[in-house]
Amino acid sequence: MVTREQLHVLGMSSAAIAANLDAGRWQELGVHCIVVHTGPLSEHARWWAAVLESGPRAYIDGESSLVCAGLEHYTPHAIRVTVPRGARVRHRGTGVDIRQTRRWDLEDVVADPVPRSRNPVAAVRACLWARTERQAQLLVTMTVQQGLARVEDIAAAALTVRRDRRRTLLGDLLIDLDGGIGSLSELDVLRGCRERGLPEPDRQALRRTSRGSYFLDFRWKEWAVVVEVDGIHHAWAQNLVADALRHNTLAIEGDIVLRLPVLGLRLCPDEFFAQIEAALRRAGWTPGVAAA
């Protein structure tokens, strides 16, 4: 994929370009870009086309930039492109969402594999621009979970946001992620406990047993109650056996271990939280009384 301007620099006239297009040897991609074949376009080519069609200072941003950087298991509804506030947009192509921003800063841009925002900046903007709060939380959590950016770096990038309706949401989310939350489902458990007046558990708690040491999703040390959040990967054979051995070891050595599948958290959260409360009460917790 090349631009018309690049073809002209190589010595090709407008008539020659038009002849190749009319003959079906090439295809147009927007107003400025030409694809010098008629096959399917790679994702990389579409990213470049979005940048080149949008203007000389355009770059991939937000959720699209995170995908460019390697974010897995997420598909943007359009390629998000950022240009400076007041910039003249060359062309708004199909499937391209162009945003003007007063926060445009060359220091925020990297050129790998295409011009795009740095991962911490992209995570902040993905949160602010998401269609729902749930999507905003998901994008930031996935960024941290997949190792694309550290919590502290996202927090530093968030300091440039002076006013936004999701500024508080982002700050609270980063605090929870910094406290050890590793997935959005674990975040839901923590918030569910808070909403129901349950004591706050230790997150990613280290538990030493006779069979070794384990990191547990949640543990109330005072009452020896454990909650493990089970994603789909826990159903895989190798994890199923390891989870059972860990569960049994903890139970033998005195902990109450509750399993909380992600599907159950979505379908009937109240029932699972009622079980957590029952386990805590049975272990000696009294509502309104803090742990010793």
C-alpha atoms as a PDB file:
ATOM      1  CA  MET A   1       0.000   0.000   0.000  1.00  0.00           C
ATOM      2  CA  VAL A   2       1.342   3.427  -1.002  1.00  0.00           C
ATOM      3  CA  THR A   3       0.012   6.950  -1.261  1.00  0.00           C
ATOM      4  CA  ARG A   4      -0.573   8.767  -4.534  1.00  0.00           C
ATOM      5  CA  GLU A   5       2.129  11.237  -3.477  1.00  0.00           C
ATOM      6  CA  GLN A   6       4.636   8.410  -3.034  1.00  0.00           C
ATOM      7  CA  LEU A   7       3.828   7.073  -6.490  1.00  0.00           C
ATOM      8  CA  HIS A   8       4.359  10.520  -7.975  1.00  0.00           C
ATOM      9  CA  VAL A   9       7.752  10.749  -6.257  1.00  0.00           C
ATOM     10  CA  LEU A  10       8.635   7.432  -7.892  1.00  0.00           C
ATOM     11  CA  GLY A  11       7.852   8.989 -11.274  1.00  0.00           C
ATOM     12  CA  MET A  12       4.355   7.643 -11.920  1.00  0.00           C
ATOM     13  CA  SER A  13       1.841  10.052 -13.438  1.00  0.00           C
ATOM     14  CA  SER A  14      -1.776  10.462 -12.416  1.00  0.00           C
ATOM     15  CA  ALA A  15      -2.783   8.943 -15.767  1.00  0.00           C
ATOM     16  CA  ALA A  16      -0.683   5.835 -15.133  1.00  0.00           C
ATOM     17  CA  ILE A  17      -2.204   5.431 -11.681  1.00  0.00           C
ATOM     18  CA  ALA A  18      -5.702   5.772 -13.123  1.00  0.00           C
ATOM     19  CA  ALA A  19      -4.893   3.225 -15.838  1.00  0.00           C
ATOM     20  CA  ASN A  20      -3.833   0.603 -13.298  1.00  0.00           C
ATOM     21  CA  LEU A  21      -6.974   1.240 -11.252  1.00  0.00           C
ATOM     22  CA  ASP A  22      -9.251   1.057 -14.300  1.00  0.00           C
ATOM     23  CA  ALA A  23      -7.601  -2.175 -15.415  1.00  0.00           C
ATOM     24  CA  GLY A  24      -8.307  -3.752 -12.044  1.00  0.00           C
ATOM     25  CA  ARG A  25      -4.644  -4.329 -11.216  1.00  0.00           C
ATOM     26  CA  TRP A  26      -4.733  -1.946  -8.260  1.00  0.00           C
ATOM     27  CA  GLN A  27      -7.386  -0.785  -5.822  1.00  0.00           C
ATOM     28  CA  GLU A  28      -8.121   2.487  -4.063  1.00  0.00           C
ATOM     29  CA  LEU A  29      -8.219   2.626  -0.289  1.00  0.00           C
ATOM     30  CA  GLY A  30      -9.726   5.978   0.573  1.00  0.00           C
ATOM     31  CA  VAL A  31      -8.741   9.146  -1.253  1.00  0.00           C
ATOM     32  CA  HIS A  32      -4.965   9.154  -0.846  1.00  0.00           C
ATOM     33  CA  CYS A  33      -3.957   5.476  -0.612  1.00  0.00           C
ATOM     34  CA  ILE A  34      -3.470   2.939  -3.391  1.00  0.00           C
ATOM     35  CA  VAL A  35      -3.132  -0.805  -2.907  1.00  0.00           C
ATOM     36  CA  VAL A  36      -0.905  -2.250  -5.630  1.00  0.00           C
ATOM     37  CA  HIS A  37      -2.718  -5.580  -5.700  1.00  0.00           C
ATOM     38  CA  THR A  38      -6.324  -6.751  -5.639  1.00  0.00           C
ATOM     39  CA  GLY A  39      -6.120  -9.240  -2.773  1.00  0.00           C
ATOM     40  CA  PRO A  40      -7.330  -8.864   0.809  1.00  0.00           C
ATOM     41  CA  LEU A  41      -5.741  -6.201   2.987  1.00  0.00           C
ATOM     42  CA  SER A  42      -3.718  -6.992   6.069  1.00  0.00           C
ATOM     43  CA  GLU A  43      -4.537  -5.380   9.389  1.00  0.00           C
ATOM     44  CA  HIS A  44      -1.198  -3.606   9.205  1.00  0.00           C
ATOM     45  CA  ALA A  45      -2.164  -2.039   5.867  1.00  0.00           C
ATOM     46  CA  ARG A  46      -5.479  -0.819   7.260  1.00  0.00           C
ATOM     47  CA  TRP A  47      -3.714   0.823  10.189  1.00  0.00           C
ATOM     48  CA  TRP A  48      -1.365   2.657   7.843  1.00  0.00           C
ATOM     49  CA  ALA A  49      -4.234   3.688   5.590  1.00  0.00           C
ATOM     50  CA  ALA A  50      -6.139   5.111   8.562  1.00  0.00           C
ATOM     51  CA  VAL A  51      -3.122   7.247   9.513  1.00  0.00           C
ATOM     52  CA  LEU A  52      -2.267   8.395   5.998  1.00  0.00           C
ATOM     53  CA  GLU A  53      -5.861   9.227   5.148  1.00  0.00           C
ATOM     54  CA  SER A  54      -6.341  11.260   8.333  1.00  0.00           C
ATOM     55  CA  GLY A  55      -3.482  13.753   7.987  1.00  0.00           C
ATOM     56  CA  PRO A  56       0.265  14.308   8.478  1.00  0.00           C
ATOM     57  CA  ARG A  57       0.078  14.444  12.300  1.00  0.00           C
ATOM     58  CA  ALA A  58      -2.387  11.602  12.742  1.00  0.00           C
ATOM     59  CA  TYR A  59      -1.671   8.477  14.775  1.00  0.00           C
ATOM     60  CA  ILE A  60      -3.522   5.375  15.982  1.00  0.00           C
ATOM     61  CA  ASP A  61      -4.852   5.908  19.503  1.00  0.00           C
ATOM     62  CA  GLY A  62      -6.955   4.476  22.306  1.00  0.00           C
ATOM     63  CA  GLU A  63      -8.163   0.895  22.062  1.00  0.00           C
ATOM     64  CA  SER A  64      -6.849   0.584  18.484  1.00  0.00           C
ATOM     65  CA  SER A  65      -3.348   1.527  19.613  1.00  0.00           C
ATOM     66  CA  LEU A  66      -3.502  -1.149  22.310  1.00  0.00           C
ATOM     67  CA  VAL A  67      -4.444  -3.736  19.683  1.00  0.00           C
ATOM     68  CA  CYS A  68      -1.518  -2.530  17.531  1.00  0.00           C
ATOM     69  CA  ALA A  69       0.719  -3.052  20.559  1.00  0.00           C
ATOM     70  CA  GLY A  70      -0.458  -6.643  20.978  1.00  0.00           C
ATOM     71  CA  LEU A  71      -3.635  -6.530  23.083  1.00  0.00           C
ATOM     72  CA  GLU A  72      -5.338  -9.920  22.673  1.00  0.00           C
ATOM     73  CA  HIS A  73      -8.977 -11.027  22.802  1.00  0.00           C
ATOM     74  CA  TYR A  74     -10.361  -7.609  21.940  1.00  0.00           C
ATOM     75  CA  THR A  75     -11.627  -6.206  18.618  1.00  0.00           C
ATOM     76  CA  PRO A  76     -12.246  -2.445  18.232  1.00  0.00           C
ATOM     77  CA  HIS A  77     -15.441  -1.433  16.456  1.00  0.00           C
ATOM     78  CA  ALA A  78     -13.376   1.029  14.348  1.00  0.00           C
ATOM     79  CA  ILE A  79      -9.793   2.204  13.961  1.00  0.00           C
ATOM     80  CA  ARG A  80      -9.399   5.135  16.339  1.00  0.00           C
ATOM     81  CA  VAL A  81      -7.138   7.926  15.062  1.00  0.00           C
ATOM     82  CA  THR A  82      -6.055  11.091  16.875  1.00  0.00           C
ATOM     83  CA  VAL A  83      -5.228  14.447  15.272  1.00  0.00           C
ATOM     84  CA  PRO A  84      -4.508  17.819  16.933  1.00  0.00           C
ATOM     85  CA  ARG A  85      -7.428  20.059  17.850  1.00  0.00           C
ATOM     86  CA  GLY A  86      -8.280  22.237  14.850  1.00  0.00           C
ATOM     87  CA  ALA A  87      -6.392  20.090  12.327  1.00  0.00           C
ATOM     88  CA  ARG A  88      -7.843  19.757   8.853  1.00  0.00           C
ATOM     89  CA  VAL A  89      -8.901  16.151   8.426  1.00  0.00           C
ATOM     90  CA  ARG A  90      -7.998  14.858   4.992  1.00  0.00           C
ATOM     91  CA  HIS A  91     -10.594  12.146   4.690  1.00  0.00           C
ATOM     92  CA  ARG A  92     -12.881  10.203   7.014  1.00  0.00           C
ATOM     93  CA  GLY A  93     -12.749   6.689   5.643  1.00  0.00           C
ATOM     94  CA  THR A  94     -15.134   3.882   6.423  1.00  0.00           C
ATOM     95  CA  GLY A  95     -14.232   2.135   9.661  1.00  0.00           C
ATOM     96  CA  VAL A  96     -12.047   5.022  10.869  1.00  0.00           C
ATOM     97  CA  ASP A  97     -12.993   7.108  13.922  1.00  0.00           C
ATOM     98  CA  ILE A  98     -11.002  10.368  14.001  1.00  0.00           C
ATOM     99  CA  ARG A  99     -10.702  12.273  17.264  1.00  0.00           C
ATOM    100  CA  GLN A 100      -9.360  15.793  17.661  1.00  0.00           C
ATOM    101  CA  THR A 101      -7.605  16.356  20.992  1.00  0.00           C
ATOM    102  CA  ARG A 102      -6.088  19.352  22.731  1.00  0.00           C
ATOM    103  CA  ARG A 103      -3.767  16.890  24.491  1.00  0.00           C
ATOM    104  CA  TRP A 104      -1.878  16.090  21.252  1.00  0.00           C
ATOM    105  CA  ASP A 105       1.812  15.725  22.123  1.00  0.00           C
ATOM    106  CA  LEU A 106       4.570  14.260  19.983  1.00  0.00           C
ATOM    107  CA  GLU A 107       6.078  12.726  23.151  1.00  0.00           C
ATOM    108  CA  ASP A 108       3.015  10.467  23.361  1.00  0.00           C
ATOM    109  CA  VAL A 109       3.686   8.900  19.949  1.00  0.00           C
ATOM    110  CA  VAL A 110       5.752   5.841  19.040  1.00  0.00           C
ATOM    111  CA  ALA A 111       6.269   4.491  15.516  1.00  0.00           C
ATOM    112  CA  ASP A 112       6.004   0.736  16.066  1.00  0.00           C
ATOM    113  CA  PRO A 113       4.457  -0.889  14.074  1.00  0.00           C
ATOM    114  CA  VAL A 114       2.676   2.273  12.876  1.00  0.00           C
ATOM    115  CA  PRO A 115       2.482   5.765  14.424  1.00  0.00           C
ATOM    116  CA  ARG A 116       0.462   5.169  17.592  1.00  0.00           C
ATOM    117  CA  SER A 117       0.159   6.388  21.158  1.00  0.00           C
ATOM    118  CA  ARG A 118       2.300   4.965  23.943  1.00  0.00           C
ATOM    119  CA  ASN A 119       0.556   2.157  25.799  1.00  0.00           C
ATOM    120  CA  PRO A 120      -0.129   4.076  29.064  1.00  0.00           C
ATOM    121  CA  VAL A 121      -1.576   7.013  27.107  1.00  0.00           C
ATOM    122  CA  ALA A 122      -3.591   4.663  24.907  1.00  0.00           C
ATOM    123  CA  ALA A 123      -5.038   2.924  27.988  1.00  0.00           C
ATOM    124  CA  VAL A 124      -6.145   6.230  29.521  1.00  0.00           C
ATOM    125  CA  ARG A 125      -7.806   7.406  26.312  1.00  0.00           C
ATOM    126  CA  ALA A 126      -9.385   4.014  25.707  1.00  0.00           C
ATOM    127  CA  CYS A 127     -10.984   4.348  29.136  1.00  0.00           C
ATOM    128  CA  LEU A 128     -12.205   7.902  28.550  1.00  0.00           C
ATOM    129  CA  TRP A 129     -13.556   7.155  25.052  1.00  0.00           C
ATOM    130  CA  ALA A 130     -15.163   3.758  25.767  1.00  0.00           C
ATOM    131  CA  ARG A 131     -18.873   3.500  25.045  1.00  0.00           C
ATOM    132  CA  THR A 132     -19.680   2.127  28.517  1.00  0.00           C
ATOM    133  CA  GLU A 133     -18.056   2.135  31.939  1.00  0.00           C
ATOM    134  CA  ARG A 134     -17.801  -1.642  31.768  1.00  0.00           C
ATOM    135  CA  GLN A 135     -15.834  -1.427  28.520  1.00  0.00           C
ATOM    136  CA  ALA A 136     -13.640   1.300  30.042  1.00  0.00           C
ATOM    137  CA  GLN A 137     -12.773  -0.920  33.012  1.00  0.00           C
ATOM    138  CA  LEU A 138     -12.183  -3.918  30.754  1.00  0.00           C
ATOM    139  CA  LEU A 139      -9.698  -2.121  28.506  1.00  0.00           C
ATOM    140  CA  VAL A 140      -7.559  -0.790  31.360  1.00  0.00           C
ATOM    141  CA  THR A 141      -7.656  -4.094  33.224  1.00  0.00           C
ATOM    142  CA  MET A 142      -6.678  -6.078  30.116  1.00  0.00           C
ATOM    143  CA  THR A 143      -3.818  -3.665  29.436  1.00  0.00           C
ATOM    144  CA  VAL A 144      -2.362  -4.297  32.899  1.00  0.00           C
ATOM    145  CA  GLN A 145      -3.211  -8.000  32.908  1.00  0.00           C
ATOM    146  CA  GLN A 146      -1.455  -8.616  29.558  1.00  0.00           C
ATOM    147  CA  GLY A 147       1.628  -6.669  30.576  1.00  0.00           C
ATOM    148  CA  LEU A 148       1.266  -3.846  28.056  1.00  0.00           C
ATOM    149  CA  ALA A 149       1.577  -1.108  30.685  1.00  0.00           C
ATOM    150  CA  ARG A 150       2.195  -0.852  34.409  1.00  0.00           C
ATOM    151  CA  VAL A 151      -0.375   0.637  36.750  1.00  0.00           C
ATOM    152  CA  GLU A 152       1.990   3.412  37.799  1.00  0.00           C
ATOM    153  CA  ASP A 153       2.650   4.402  34.176  1.00  0.00           C
ATOM    154  CA  ILE A 154      -1.057   4.567  33.393  1.00  0.00           C
ATOM    155  CA  ALA A 155      -1.560   6.628  36.548  1.00  0.00           C
ATOM    156  CA  ALA A 156       1.160   9.048  35.404  1.00  0.00           C
ATOM    157  CA  ALA A 157      -0.503   9.397  32.002  1.00  0.00           C
ATOM    158  CA  ALA A 158      -3.850   9.995  33.709  1.00  0.00           C
ATOM    159  CA  LEU A 159      -2.448  13.064  35.491  1.00  0.00           C
ATOM    160  CA  THR A 160      -2.789  15.031  32.235  1.00  0.00           C
ATOM    161  CA  VAL A 161      -6.575  14.580  32.377  1.00  0.00           C
ATOM    162  CA  ARG A 162      -7.949  17.678  34.075  1.00  0.00           C
ATOM    163  CA  ARG A 163     -11.673  17.204  33.522  1.00  0.00           C
ATOM    164  CA  ASP A 164     -13.542  14.142  32.391  1.00  0.00           C
ATOM    165  CA  ARG A 165     -16.609  12.316  33.647  1.00  0.00           C
ATOM    166  CA  ARG A 166     -14.557   9.090  33.987  1.00  0.00           C
ATOM    167  CA  ARG A 167     -11.596  10.594  35.787  1.00  0.00           C
ATOM    168  CA  THR A 168     -12.780   9.300  39.177  1.00  0.00           C
ATOM    169  CA  LEU A 169     -13.661   5.883  37.760  1.00  0.00           C
ATOM    170  CA  LEU A 170     -10.172   5.571  36.259  1.00  0.00           C
ATOM    171  CA  GLY A 171      -8.506   6.625  39.509  1.00  0.00           C
ATOM    172  CA  ASP A 172     -10.493   4.139  41.592  1.00  0.00           C
ATOM    173  CA  LEU A 173      -9.791   1.366  39.082  1.00  0.00           C
ATOM    174  CA  LEU A 174      -6.040   2.020  39.148  1.00  0.00           C
ATOM    175  CA  ILE A 175      -6.045   1.901  42.955  1.00  0.00           C
ATOM    176  CA  ASP A 176      -7.763  -1.495  42.846  1.00  0.00           C
ATOM    177  CA  LEU A 177      -5.395  -2.805  40.166  1.00  0.00           C
ATOM    178  CA  ASP A 178      -2.401  -1.597  42.160  1.00  0.00           C
ATOM    179  CA  GLY A 179      -3.773  -3.534  45.128  1.00  0.00           C
ATOM    180  CA  GLY A 180      -3.397  -6.831  43.285  1.00  0.00           C
ATOM    181  CA  ILE A 181      -6.571  -7.237  41.239  1.00  0.00           C
ATOM    182  CA  GLY A 182      -5.605  -9.329  38.215  1.00  0.00           C
ATOM    183  CA  SER A 183      -8.809  -9.440  36.207  1.00  0.00           C
ATOM    184  CA  LEU A 184     -12.098  -7.629  35.799  1.00  0.00           C
ATOM    185  CA  SER A 185     -13.887 -10.553  37.451  1.00  0.00           C
ATOM    186  CA  GLU A 186     -11.740 -10.208  40.554  1.00  0.00           C
ATOM    187  CA  LEU A 187     -12.526  -6.491  40.557  1.00  0.00           C
ATOM    188  CA  ASP A 188     -16.243  -7.359  40.507  1.00  0.00           C
ATOM    189  CA  VAL A 189     -15.786  -9.570  43.572  1.00  0.00           C
ATOM    190  CA  LEU A 190     -14.045  -6.814  45.504  1.00  0.00           C
ATOM    191  CA  ARG A 191     -16.743  -4.290  44.641  1.00  0.00           C
ATOM    192  CA  GLY A 192     -19.475  -6.809  45.412  1.00  0.00           C
ATOM    193  CA  CYS A 193     -18.054  -7.258  48.913  1.00  0.00           C
ATOM    194  CA  ARG A 194     -17.947  -3.518  49.454  1.00  0.00           C
ATOM    195  CA  GLU A 195     -21.511  -3.018  48.245  1.00  0.00           C
ATOM    196  CA  ARG A 196     -22.812  -5.729  50.611  1.00  0.00           C
ATOM    197  CA  GLY A 197     -20.908  -4.536  53.669  1.00  0.00           C
ATOM    198  CA  LEU A 198     -18.593  -7.550  53.808  1.00  0.00           C
ATOM    199  CA  PRO A 199     -15.070  -7.089  55.151  1.00  0.00           C
ATOM    200  CA  GLU A 200     -12.419  -6.410  52.547  1.00  0.00           C
ATOM    201  CA  PRO A 201     -10.211  -9.432  51.845  1.00  0.00           C
ATOM    202  CA  ASP A 202      -6.504  -9.624  51.163  1.00  0.00           C
ATOM    203  CA  ARG A 203      -5.882  -9.847  47.415  1.00  0.00           C
ATOM    204  CA  GLN A 204      -3.384 -12.269  45.863  1.00  0.00           C
ATOM    205  CA  ALA A 205      -2.694 -13.438  49.393  1.00  0.00           C
ATOM    206  CA  LEU A 206       0.277 -15.724  49.990  1.00  0.00           C
ATOM    207  CA  ARG A 207      -0.728 -18.909  51.874  1.00  0.00           C
ATOM    208  CA  ARG A 208       1.999 -21.274  53.043  1.00  0.00           C
ATOM    209  CA  THR A 209       0.982 -24.929  53.463  1.00  0.00           C
ATOM    210  CA  SER A 210       2.658 -28.288  53.956  1.00  0.00           C
ATOM    211  CA  ARG A 211       2.529 -28.839  50.171  1.00  0.00           C
ATOM    212  CA  GLY A 212       4.034 -25.449  49.309  1.00  0.00           C
ATOM    213  CA  SER A 213       3.011 -21.827  48.977  1.00  0.00           C
ATOM    214  CA  TYR A 214       0.014 -20.573  46.989  1.00  0.00           C
ATOM    215  CA  PHE A 215      -1.180 -17.175  45.887  1.00  0.00           C
ATOM    216  CA  LEU A 216      -4.933 -16.990  46.481  1.00  0.00           C
ATOM    217  CA  ASP A 217      -7.311 -14.604  44.721  1.00  0.00           C
ATOM    218  CA  PHE A 218      -8.950 -13.524  47.994  1.00  0.00           C
ATOM    219  CA  ARG A 219      -8.431 -14.529  51.624  1.00  0.00           C
ATOM    220  CA  TRP A 220      -9.838 -13.268  54.899  1.00  0.00           C
ATOM    221  CA  LYS A 221      -6.907 -14.209  57.123  1.00  0.00           C
ATOM    222  CA  GLU A 222      -8.726 -13.456  60.389  1.00  0.00           C
ATOM    223  CA  TRP A 223     -11.439 -15.994  59.566  1.00  0.00           C
ATOM    224  CA  ALA A 224      -9.463 -18.386  57.279  1.00  0.00           C
ATOM    225  CA  VAL A 225     -11.957 -17.985  54.434  1.00  0.00           C
ATOM    226  CA  VAL A 226     -10.731 -18.197  50.830  1.00  0.00           C
ATOM    227  CA  VAL A 227     -12.490 -17.300  47.575  1.00  0.00           C
ATOM    228  CA  GLU A 228     -10.969 -18.428  44.282  1.00  0.00           C
ATOM    229  CA  VAL A 229     -12.324 -16.881  41.064  1.00  0.00           C
ATOM    230  CA  ASP A 230     -12.502 -19.490  38.289  1.00  0.00           C
ATOM    231  CA  GLY A 231     -12.220 -18.318  34.700  1.00  0.00           C
ATOM    232  CA  ILE A 232     -12.681 -20.652  31.755  1.00  0.00           C
ATOM    233  CA  HIS A 233      -8.999 -21.698  31.934  1.00  0.00           C
ATOM    234  CA  HIS A 234      -9.690 -23.402  35.279  1.00  0.00           C
ATOM    235  CA  ALA A 235     -11.725 -26.012  33.398  1.00  0.00           C
ATOM    236  CA  TRP A 236      -8.681 -27.147  31.417  1.00  0.00           C
ATOM    237  CA  ALA A 237      -7.416 -30.567  32.493  1.00  0.00           C
ATOM    238  CA  GLN A 238      -4.010 -29.476  33.785  1.00  0.00           C
ATOM    239  CA  ASN A 239      -5.535 -26.652  35.833  1.00  0.00           C
ATOM    240  CA  LEU A 240      -8.439 -28.745  37.102  1.00  0.00           C
ATOM    241  CA  VAL A 241      -6.111 -31.207  38.858  1.00  0.00           C
ATOM    242  CA  ALA A 242      -3.845 -28.504  40.276  1.00  0.00           C
ATOM    243  CA  ASP A 243      -6.838 -26.521  41.542  1.00  0.00           C
ATOM    244  CA  ALA A 244      -8.293 -29.604  43.235  1.00  0.00           C
ATOM    245  CA  LEU A 245      -5.005 -30.391  45.002  1.00  0.00           C
ATOM    246  CA  ARG A 246      -4.651 -26.824  46.191  1.00  0.00           C
ATOM    247  CA  HIS A 247      -8.272 -26.663  47.335  1.00  0.00           C
ATOM    248  CA  ASN A 248      -7.954 -29.927  49.264  1.00  0.00           C
ATOM    249  CA  THR A 249      -4.692 -28.879  50.925  1.00  0.00           C
ATOM    250  CA  LEU A 250      -6.192 -25.608  52.117  1.00  0.00           C
ATOM    251  CA  ALA A 251      -9.300 -27.372  53.413  1.00  0.00           C
ATOM    252  CA  ILE A 252      -7.265 -29.995  55.269  1.00  0.00           C
ATOM    253  CA  GLU A 253      -5.215 -27.282  56.944  1.00  0.00           C
ATOM    254  CA  GLY A 254      -8.262 -25.387  58.147  1.00  0.00           C
ATOM    255  CA  ASP A 255      -9.377 -22.890  55.495  1.00  0.00           C
ATOM    256  CA  ILE A 256     -12.907 -22.634  54.160  1.00  0.00           C
ATOM    257  CA  VAL A 257     -12.453 -22.544  50.368  1.00  0.00           C
ATOM    258  CA  LEU A 258     -15.216 -21.231  48.107  1.00  0.00           C
ATOM    259  CA  ARG A 259     -15.092 -21.449  44.312  1.00  0.00           C
ATOM    260  CA  LEU A 260     -16.629 -18.595  42.353  1.00  0.00           C
ATOM    261  CA  PRO A 261     -16.904 -19.273  38.598  1.00  0.00           C
ATOM    262  CA  VAL A 262     -16.997 -16.195  36.383  1.00  0.00           C
ATOM    263  CA  LEU A 263     -20.240 -17.442  34.833  1.00  0.00           C
ATOM    264  CA  GLY A 264     -21.833 -17.624  38.287  1.00  0.00           C
ATOM    265  CA  LEU A 265     -20.676 -14.099  39.008  1.00  0.00           C
ATOM    266  CA  ARG A 266     -22.592 -12.969  35.939  1.00  0.00           C
ATOM    267  CA  LEU A 267     -25.752 -15.078  36.352  1.00  0.00           C
ATOM    268  CA  CYS A 268     -26.411 -15.203  40.106  1.00  0.00           C
ATOM    269  CA  PRO A 269     -23.944 -13.017  42.030  1.00  0.00           C
ATOM    270  CA  ASP A 270     -26.253 -12.551  45.036  1.00  0.00           C
ATOM    271  CA  GLU A 271     -26.313 -16.282  45.747  1.00  0.00           C
ATOM    272  CA  PHE A 272     -22.523 -16.546  45.703  1.00  0.00           C
ATOM    273  CA  PHE A 273     -22.059 -13.471  47.876  1.00  0.00           C
ATOM    274  CA  ALA A 274     -24.615 -14.922  50.303  1.00  0.00           C
ATOM    275  CA  GLN A 275     -22.382 -18.007  50.555  1.00  0.00           C
ATOM    276  CA  ILE A 276     -19.345 -15.835  51.211  1.00  0.00           C
ATOM    277  CA  GLU A 277     -21.215 -14.032  53.981  1.00  0.00           C
ATOM    278  CA  ALA A 278     -22.382 -17.353  55.456  1.00  0.00           C
ATOM    279  CA  ALA A 279     -18.812 -18.685  55.474  1.00  0.00           C
ATOM    280  CA  LEU A 280     -17.525 -15.559  57.199  1.00  0.00           C
ATOM    281  CA  ARG A 281     -20.270 -15.656  59.815  1.00  0.00           C
ATOM    282  CA  ARG A 282     -19.641 -19.330  60.502  1.00  0.00           C
ATOM    283  CA  ALA A 283     -15.946 -18.558  60.959  1.00  0.00           C
ATOM    284  CA  GLY A 284     -16.776 -15.908  63.569  1.00  0.00           C
ATOM    285  CA  TRP A 285     -17.246 -12.650  61.654  1.00  0.00           C
ATOM    286  CA  THR A 286     -19.907 -10.285  62.986  1.00  0.00           C
ATOM    287  CA  PRO A 287     -21.203  -7.444  60.788  1.00  0.00           C
ATOM    288  CA  GLY A 288     -19.929  -4.078  61.983  1.00  0.00           C
ATOM    289  CA  VAL A 289     -17.029  -5.580  63.887  1.00  0.00           C
ATOM    290  CA  ALA A 290     -13.604  -5.170  62.298  1.00  0.00           C
ATOM    291  CA  ALA A 291     -10.986  -7.888  62.294  1.00  0.00           C
ATOM    292  CA  ALA A 292      -8.623  -7.925  65.262  1.00  0.00           C
END
